C-alpha atoms as a PDB file:
ATOM      1  CA  MET A   1      66.764 -34.962 -19.665  1.00  0.00           C
ATOM      2  CA  ARG A   2      69.588 -33.322 -21.583  1.00  0.00           C
ATOM      3  CA  HIS A   3      68.646 -35.138 -24.788  1.00  0.00           C
ATOM      4  CA  ARG A   4      65.064 -33.881 -24.565  1.00  0.00           C
ATOM      5  CA  VAL A   5      66.250 -30.269 -24.310  1.00  0.00           C
ATOM      6  CA  GLN A   6      68.605 -30.714 -27.263  1.00  0.00           C
ATOM      7  CA  ARG A   7      65.750 -32.028 -29.410  1.00  0.00           C
ATOM      8  CA  LEU A   8      63.679 -28.916 -28.662  1.00  0.00           C
ATOM      9  CA  LEU A   9      66.409 -26.458 -29.622  1.00  0.00           C
ATOM     10  CA  PRO A  10      66.983 -25.688 -33.307  1.00  0.00           C
ATOM     11  CA  SER A  11      70.078 -27.120 -34.913  1.00  0.00           C
ATOM     12  CA  ARG A  12      73.328 -25.185 -35.146  1.00  0.00           C
ATOM     13  CA  ILE A  13      72.738 -24.560 -38.835  1.00  0.00           C
ATOM     14  CA  ALA A  14      69.621 -22.517 -38.047  1.00  0.00           C
ATOM     15  CA  TRP A  15      71.511 -20.317 -35.573  1.00  0.00           C
ATOM     16  CA  GLY A  16      74.027 -19.224 -38.235  1.00  0.00           C
ATOM     17  CA  PRO A  17      71.632 -17.222 -40.479  1.00  0.00           C
ATOM     18  CA  LEU A  18      69.635 -16.104 -37.465  1.00  0.00           C
ATOM     19  CA  GLY A  19      72.791 -14.763 -35.823  1.00  0.00           C
ATOM     20  CA  VAL A  20      73.731 -12.892 -39.005  1.00  0.00           C
ATOM     21  CA  VAL A  21      70.303 -11.273 -39.233  1.00  0.00           C
ATOM     22  CA  LEU A  22      70.260 -10.308 -35.553  1.00  0.00           C
ATOM     23  CA  GLY A  23      73.805  -8.954 -35.757  1.00  0.00           C
ATOM     24  CA  ALA A  24      72.973  -6.871 -38.838  1.00  0.00           C
ATOM     25  CA  ALA A  25      69.854  -5.517 -37.155  1.00  0.00           C
ATOM     26  CA  LEU A  26      71.866  -4.435 -34.122  1.00  0.00           C
ATOM     27  CA  LEU A  27      74.677  -2.992 -36.236  1.00  0.00           C
ATOM     28  CA  PHE A  28      72.439  -0.977 -38.556  1.00  0.00           C
ATOM     29  CA  ALA A  29      69.752  -0.053 -36.031  1.00  0.00           C
ATOM     30  CA  SER A  30      69.923   3.643 -36.877  1.00  0.00           C
ATOM     31  CA  GLU A  31      69.178   2.962 -40.569  1.00  0.00           C
ATOM     32  CA  VAL A  32      66.149   0.854 -39.723  1.00  0.00           C
ATOM     33  CA  ASP A  33      63.863   3.701 -38.744  1.00  0.00           C
ATOM     34  CA  ALA A  34      60.109   3.523 -38.776  1.00  0.00           C
ATOM     35  CA  CYS A  35      58.101   4.832 -41.707  1.00  0.00           C
ATOM     36  CA  SER A  36      55.704   7.762 -41.531  1.00  0.00           C
ATOM     37  CA  VAL A  37      52.855   5.428 -40.582  1.00  0.00           C
ATOM     38  CA  CYS A  38      54.701   4.181 -37.516  1.00  0.00           C
ATOM     39  CA  PHE A  39      55.718   7.699 -36.538  1.00  0.00           C
ATOM     40  CA  GLY A  40      52.093   8.763 -36.912  1.00  0.00           C
ATOM     41  CA  ALA A  41      52.268  11.521 -39.524  1.00  0.00           C
ATOM     42  CA  PRO A  42      48.528  12.093 -40.007  1.00  0.00           C
ATOM     43  CA  ASP A  43      48.880  14.177 -43.175  1.00  0.00           C
ATOM     44  CA  SER A  44      50.965  11.597 -45.034  1.00  0.00           C
ATOM     45  CA  ALA A  45      49.465   9.884 -48.085  1.00  0.00           C
ATOM     46  CA  GLN A  46      50.993   6.626 -46.894  1.00  0.00           C
ATOM     47  CA  THR A  47      49.138   6.876 -43.579  1.00  0.00           C
ATOM     48  CA  ALA A  48      45.834   7.484 -45.359  1.00  0.00           C
ATOM     49  CA  SER A  49      46.471   4.510 -47.656  1.00  0.00           C
ATOM     50  CA  VAL A  50      47.239   2.189 -44.760  1.00  0.00           C
ATOM     51  CA  ASN A  51      44.108   3.349 -42.921  1.00  0.00           C
ATOM     52  CA  ASN A  52      41.998   2.661 -46.019  1.00  0.00           C
ATOM     53  CA  ALA A  53      43.586  -0.766 -46.398  1.00  0.00           C
ATOM     54  CA  ILE A  54      42.778  -1.577 -42.770  1.00  0.00           C
ATOM     55  CA  LEU A  55      39.140  -0.552 -43.262  1.00  0.00           C
ATOM     56  CA  PHE A  56      38.918  -2.646 -46.440  1.00  0.00           C
ATOM     57  CA  LEU A  57      40.309  -5.722 -44.698  1.00  0.00           C
ATOM     58  CA  LEU A  58      37.913  -5.227 -41.785  1.00  0.00           C
ATOM     59  CA  GLY A  59      35.062  -5.104 -44.308  1.00  0.00           C
ATOM     60  CA  VAL A  60      36.239  -8.317 -45.972  1.00  0.00           C
ATOM     61  CA  THR A  61      36.459 -10.011 -42.573  1.00  0.00           C
ATOM     62  CA  ALA A  62      32.952  -8.854 -41.671  1.00  0.00           C
ATOM     63  CA  CYS A  63      31.575 -10.199 -44.974  1.00  0.00           C
ATOM     64  CA  VAL A  64      33.205 -13.587 -44.459  1.00  0.00           C
ATOM     65  CA  LEU A  65      31.894 -13.833 -40.889  1.00  0.00           C
ATOM     66  CA  ALA A  66      28.403 -12.793 -42.034  1.00  0.00           C
ATOM     67  CA  SER A  67      28.538 -15.488 -44.728  1.00  0.00           C
ATOM     68  CA  PHE A  68      29.399 -18.135 -42.141  1.00  0.00           C
ATOM     69  CA  ALA A  69      26.583 -16.955 -39.877  1.00  0.00           C
ATOM     70  CA  THR A  70      24.096 -17.042 -42.778  1.00  0.00           C
ATOM     71  CA  PHE A  71      25.252 -20.524 -43.754  1.00  0.00           C
ATOM     72  CA  PHE A  72      24.705 -21.848 -40.236  1.00  0.00           C
ATOM     73  CA  LEU A  73      21.296 -20.177 -40.008  1.00  0.00           C
ATOM     74  CA  VAL A  74      20.268 -21.860 -43.266  1.00  0.00           C
ATOM     75  CA  LEU A  75      21.473 -25.213 -41.917  1.00  0.00           C
ATOM     76  CA  ARG A  76      19.494 -24.620 -38.723  1.00  0.00           C
ATOM     77  CA  ARG A  77      16.334 -23.841 -40.685  1.00  0.00           C
ATOM     78  CA  ARG A  78      16.750 -26.976 -42.823  1.00  0.00           C
ATOM     79  CA  MET A  79      17.343 -29.092 -39.741  1.00  0.00           C
ATOM     80  CA  ARG A  80      14.193 -27.797 -38.080  1.00  0.00           C
ATOM     81  CA  ARG A  81      12.157 -28.589 -41.201  1.00  0.00           C
ATOM     82  CA  THR A  82      13.561 -32.101 -41.305  1.00  0.00           C
ATOM     83  CA  VAL A  83      12.965 -32.764 -37.600  1.00  0.00           C
ATOM     84  CA  ALA A  84       9.446 -31.307 -37.676  1.00  0.00           C
ATOM     85  CA  GLY A  85       8.430 -33.702 -40.450  1.00  0.00           C
ATOM     86  CA  PRO A  86       5.892 -32.999 -43.160  1.00  0.00           C
ATOM     87  CA  ASP A  87       3.330 -30.296 -42.657  1.00  0.00           C
ATOM     88  CA  LEU A  88      -0.066 -31.732 -41.592  1.00  0.00           C
ATOM     89  CA  ALA A  89      -1.987 -29.529 -44.015  1.00  0.00           C
ATOM     90  CA  SER A  90       0.039 -30.813 -46.986  1.00  0.00           C
ATOM     91  CA  VAL A  91      -0.539 -34.441 -45.867  1.00  0.00           C
ATOM     92  CA  ALA A  92      -4.296 -33.797 -45.694  1.00  0.00           C
ATOM     93  CA  LEU A  93      -4.289 -32.293 -49.198  1.00  0.00           C
ATOM     94  CA  GLU A  94      -2.401 -35.285 -50.590  1.00  0.00           C
ATOM     95  CA  ARG A  95      -4.946 -37.678 -49.066  1.00  0.00           C
ATOM     96  CA  ARG A  96      -7.834 -35.763 -50.652  1.00  0.00           C
ATOM     97  CA  ARG A  97      -6.203 -35.994 -54.086  1.00  0.00           C
ATOM     98  CA  GLU A  98      -5.722 -39.784 -53.914  1.00  0.00           C
ATOM     99  CA  PRO A  99      -8.448 -41.968 -55.372  1.00  0.00           C
ATOM    100  CA  ALA A 100     -10.781 -43.499 -52.775  1.00  0.00           C
ATOM    101  CA  GLY A 101      -9.687 -47.113 -53.246  1.00  0.00           C
ATOM    102  CA  THR A 102      -5.918 -46.503 -52.907  1.00  0.00           C
ATOM    103  CA  ALA A 103      -5.759 -45.101 -49.384  1.00  0.00           C
ATOM    104  CA  LYS A 104      -2.696 -46.121 -47.418  1.00  0.00           C
END
């Protein structure tokens, strides 16, 4: 059981840099303040830019999802045409165009 737990934990080498980063974050916590976006300054240019970026990325996501939906609708339409078989009217027209002696 102990060996299984040791395999799940990261090695000691990984804890060294992680400990340094966590220690620095705790030591310099007062210098790591939030920006104006996180504080919610509504009149800041940075806040307006981040809001515009969020709207742009939402638009890109909507376009990609709409493209997937369109693709699957096209596949559905093609599948229905294939399953339905040839149109009876087009088969009748083809038979009329064939010469009389070559009927299938």
